Amino acid sequence: MKFYKLFFICFLLCSRILFASNLAKTKCTETPEVYDLENKPEGFNLSNNLRRKAGSADIAKGELIYIKGKVTDINCVPVQNAVIFIWQADANGIYQNIKDASNADPNFLGSGKYITNNLGYYNFITVMPGNYQNINFLVQHPDFIELHTKMFFSDNSKSEDFIEQLAAPYTVDKNGTKTYRFNIVLGGHNKYTTY
């Protein structure tokens, strides 16, 4: 019986060492920067729901979509408290911040903000943008260099500046709503890790 206990303890210790060494060797590919400030708003809305203004029952026109993902460092360690800003065109293809936005959807926010949780996760509720087949991202964290990038739709990406690594795959729920998964890898490593 002592032999089995000793064997089990050795097995646990060896597996922890192997797991730790494999984790240390794991690398995530840094998200490419796409620096495009052409339609960046002067100020961002503070909600992660771009389909509806706070306190309003009215929702924006267009196909409902969800954007979910995880922010990590190059060692695949989650980055908590990263501030993610997004901005995009409404279903008519109009950005809210342009001078002549008279045809813009009055119920669409145009931009949003989310702070990642302790596991690095974030999510947004929005609509499929018209004309522009991407969503702009700005990620800020005091321990990392600010990242400007874009998320493209894997099912409809025909843009000239399309980068395959920025194409977000999607799933469809039972109601037919698409959820795009867009993970972001920041350059550098989390200061709380020892890798």
Protein backbone atom coordinates (compact mmCIF):
# COMPACT_ATOMS: atom_id res chain seq x y z
CA MET A 1 0.00 0.00 0.00
CA LYS A 2 2.90 2.35 0.80
CA PHE A 3 4.33 1.68 -2.64
CA TYR A 4 1.12 2.90 -4.33
CA LYS A 5 1.01 6.05 -2.21
CA LEU A 6 4.64 6.79 -3.02
CA PHE A 7 4.02 6.12 -6.71
CA PHE A 8 0.99 8.43 -6.71
CA ILE A 9 2.93 11.26 -5.02
CA CYS A 10 5.81 10.90 -7.51
CA PHE A 11 3.30 10.93 -10.38
CA LEU A 12 1.71 14.16 -9.12
CA LEU A 13 5.07 15.88 -8.64
CA CYS A 14 6.35 14.86 -12.08
CA SER A 15 3.16 15.91 -13.83
CA ARG A 16 3.27 19.35 -12.14
CA ILE A 17 6.88 19.85 -13.23
CA LEU A 18 6.10 18.81 -16.82
CA PHE A 19 3.01 21.03 -16.90
CA ALA A 20 4.96 24.03 -15.60
CA SER A 21 7.79 23.54 -18.10
CA ASN A 22 5.33 23.17 -21.00
CA LEU A 23 3.48 26.30 -19.88
CA ALA A 24 6.74 28.24 -19.78
CA LYS A 25 7.48 27.21 -23.38
CA THR A 26 4.02 28.17 -24.64
CA LYS A 27 3.98 31.30 -26.75
CA CYS A 28 1.05 33.15 -28.24
CA THR A 29 1.39 35.09 -31.48
CA GLU A 30 1.21 38.84 -30.95
CA THR A 31 -1.84 40.48 -32.52
CA PRO A 32 -0.82 42.57 -35.55
CA GLU A 33 -1.21 46.31 -35.20
CA VAL A 34 -3.49 48.08 -37.65
CA TYR A 35 -3.16 51.78 -36.94
CA ASP A 36 -6.21 53.50 -38.42
CA LEU A 37 -7.63 56.51 -36.61
CA GLU A 38 -9.71 57.84 -39.51
CA ASN A 39 -13.09 57.40 -37.81
CA LYS A 40 -11.97 57.23 -34.18
CA PRO A 41 -14.41 59.09 -31.89
CA GLU A 42 -13.20 61.93 -29.67
CA GLY A 43 -14.84 60.24 -26.68
CA PHE A 44 -15.95 56.66 -26.15
CA ASN A 45 -19.25 55.46 -24.76
CA LEU A 46 -18.78 53.56 -21.51
CA SER A 47 -21.14 50.68 -22.25
CA ASN A 48 -20.33 47.35 -23.89
CA ASN A 49 -23.81 47.34 -25.49
CA LEU A 50 -23.62 49.43 -28.67
CA ARG A 51 -27.17 48.51 -29.76
CA ARG A 52 -28.96 50.69 -27.23
CA LYS A 53 -28.46 53.97 -25.44
CA ALA A 54 -28.65 53.86 -21.65
CA GLY A 55 -32.22 54.15 -20.41
CA SER A 56 -33.74 53.69 -23.87
CA ALA A 57 -35.98 50.82 -24.94
CA ASP A 58 -35.18 51.47 -28.62
CA ILE A 59 -32.52 49.32 -30.26
CA ALA A 60 -30.32 49.99 -33.27
CA LYS A 61 -31.21 48.58 -36.67
CA GLY A 62 -29.15 45.78 -38.11
CA GLU A 63 -28.09 42.20 -37.45
CA LEU A 64 -27.38 41.54 -33.76
CA ILE A 65 -23.91 40.09 -33.14
CA TYR A 66 -21.79 39.34 -30.08
CA ILE A 67 -18.04 39.79 -29.89
CA LYS A 68 -16.22 37.82 -27.23
CA GLY A 69 -12.58 37.14 -26.59
CA LYS A 70 -9.64 36.95 -24.26
CA VAL A 71 -6.64 39.24 -23.81
CA THR A 72 -3.33 37.53 -23.03
CA ASP A 73 0.38 38.30 -23.11
CA ILE A 74 2.87 36.53 -25.39
CA ASN A 75 3.13 33.69 -22.84
CA CYS A 76 -0.65 33.13 -23.11
CA VAL A 77 -1.18 34.45 -19.56
CA PRO A 78 -4.49 36.32 -19.17
CA VAL A 79 -4.27 40.10 -18.81
CA GLN A 80 -6.81 41.42 -16.34
CA ASN A 81 -8.00 45.03 -16.21
CA ALA A 82 -7.09 45.71 -19.84
CA VAL A 83 -9.31 48.49 -21.16
CA ILE A 84 -10.79 47.66 -24.55
CA PHE A 85 -12.39 50.35 -26.69
CA ILE A 86 -14.18 49.56 -29.94
CA TRP A 87 -15.73 51.76 -32.61
CA GLN A 88 -17.53 50.89 -35.80
CA ALA A 89 -20.05 51.96 -38.42
CA ASP A 90 -23.75 51.33 -37.89
CA ALA A 91 -25.81 48.99 -40.09
CA ASN A 92 -26.07 51.79 -42.68
CA GLY A 93 -22.27 52.01 -42.90
CA ILE A 94 -22.13 55.40 -41.14
CA TYR A 95 -19.77 56.29 -38.30
CA GLN A 96 -21.41 58.33 -35.53
CA ASN A 97 -18.59 60.86 -35.24
CA ILE A 98 -18.43 62.12 -38.82
CA LYS A 99 -19.57 65.68 -39.53
CA ASP A 100 -22.54 64.73 -41.72
CA ALA A 101 -24.06 61.85 -39.76
CA SER A 102 -27.66 62.85 -40.54
CA ASN A 103 -28.44 59.34 -41.86
CA ALA A 104 -26.80 57.62 -38.87
CA ASP A 105 -28.92 55.34 -36.71
CA PRO A 106 -29.90 57.47 -33.66
CA ASN A 107 -30.11 54.38 -31.44
CA PHE A 108 -26.63 53.09 -32.23
CA LEU A 109 -23.82 54.15 -29.88
CA GLY A 110 -20.97 53.76 -32.37
CA SER A 111 -18.37 52.98 -29.71
CA GLY A 112 -18.02 51.08 -26.46
CA LYS A 113 -15.72 50.11 -23.62
CA TYR A 114 -15.04 46.99 -21.58
CA ILE A 115 -12.48 46.14 -18.88
CA THR A 116 -11.27 42.54 -18.92
CA ASN A 117 -12.02 40.34 -15.93
CA ASN A 118 -9.44 38.39 -13.91
CA LEU A 119 -9.24 35.73 -16.65
CA GLY A 120 -8.75 38.30 -19.42
CA TYR A 121 -12.22 37.91 -20.94
CA TYR A 122 -14.30 40.66 -22.56
CA ASN A 123 -17.55 40.89 -24.54
CA PHE A 124 -19.56 43.37 -26.61
CA ILE A 125 -23.10 43.46 -27.97
CA THR A 126 -23.37 45.25 -31.29
CA VAL A 127 -24.66 45.06 -34.87
CA MET A 128 -23.01 44.00 -38.10
CA PRO A 129 -21.47 47.16 -39.59
CA GLY A 130 -22.58 48.13 -43.07
CA ASN A 131 -20.02 48.88 -45.83
CA TYR A 132 -17.02 48.60 -43.47
CA GLN A 133 -16.29 44.94 -42.82
CA ASN A 134 -14.29 45.43 -39.65
CA ILE A 135 -14.44 46.74 -36.12
CA ASN A 136 -11.70 48.95 -34.70
CA PHE A 137 -10.05 48.00 -31.40
CA LEU A 138 -7.88 49.99 -29.00
CA VAL A 139 -6.43 48.08 -26.04
CA GLN A 140 -4.76 49.86 -23.12
CA HIS A 141 -3.02 48.52 -20.02
CA PRO A 142 -0.33 50.23 -17.94
CA ASP A 143 2.07 47.26 -18.29
CA PHE A 144 1.81 46.99 -22.10
CA ILE A 145 2.23 49.17 -25.18
CA GLU A 146 -1.11 50.47 -26.45
CA LEU A 147 -2.48 48.34 -29.29
CA HIS A 148 -4.54 49.60 -32.24
CA THR A 149 -5.97 46.82 -34.38
CA LYS A 150 -9.04 45.65 -36.29
CA MET A 151 -11.27 42.62 -36.14
CA PHE A 152 -12.43 41.28 -39.49
CA PHE A 153 -15.38 38.96 -40.03
CA SER A 154 -14.17 35.53 -41.16
CA ASP A 155 -17.34 34.98 -43.18
CA ASN A 156 -17.24 38.30 -45.04
CA SER A 157 -13.72 39.70 -45.27
CA LYS A 158 -12.87 41.23 -48.63
CA SER A 159 -10.97 44.29 -47.45
CA GLU A 160 -7.56 45.15 -48.93
CA ASP A 161 -6.01 45.49 -45.48
CA PHE A 162 -7.40 42.13 -44.35
CA ILE A 163 -4.96 40.09 -42.28
CA GLU A 164 -5.86 36.44 -41.78
CA GLN A 165 -4.81 36.48 -38.12
CA LEU A 166 -7.39 39.22 -37.48
CA ALA A 167 -10.30 37.22 -38.91
CA ALA A 168 -12.69 36.28 -36.11
CA PRO A 169 -14.36 32.88 -36.41
CA TYR A 170 -17.97 32.63 -35.32
CA THR A 171 -20.59 30.28 -33.95
CA VAL A 172 -24.35 30.54 -34.30
CA ASP A 173 -26.70 30.00 -31.34
CA LYS A 174 -30.17 28.42 -31.50
CA ASN A 175 -31.70 31.85 -32.23
CA GLY A 176 -29.43 32.36 -35.25
CA THR A 177 -27.29 35.03 -33.55
CA LYS A 178 -23.59 35.02 -34.43
CA THR A 179 -20.90 35.21 -31.75
CA TYR A 180 -17.49 36.20 -33.12
CA ARG A 181 -14.45 35.13 -31.09
CA PHE A 182 -11.56 37.59 -31.25
CA ASN A 183 -8.62 36.87 -28.93
CA ILE A 184 -5.97 39.55 -28.51
CA VAL A 185 -2.32 38.94 -27.66
CA LEU A 186 -0.39 41.95 -26.35
CA GLY A 187 3.35 42.28 -26.92
CA GLY A 188 5.51 41.63 -23.87
CA HIS A 189 4.68 39.65 -20.78
CA ASN A 190 2.53 40.13 -17.74
CA LYS A 191 4.68 41.53 -14.92
CA TYR A 192 3.11 39.11 -12.45
CA THR A 193 4.49 36.04 -14.20
CA THR A 194 7.97 34.59 -13.86
CA TYR A 195 8.43 33.14 -17.37
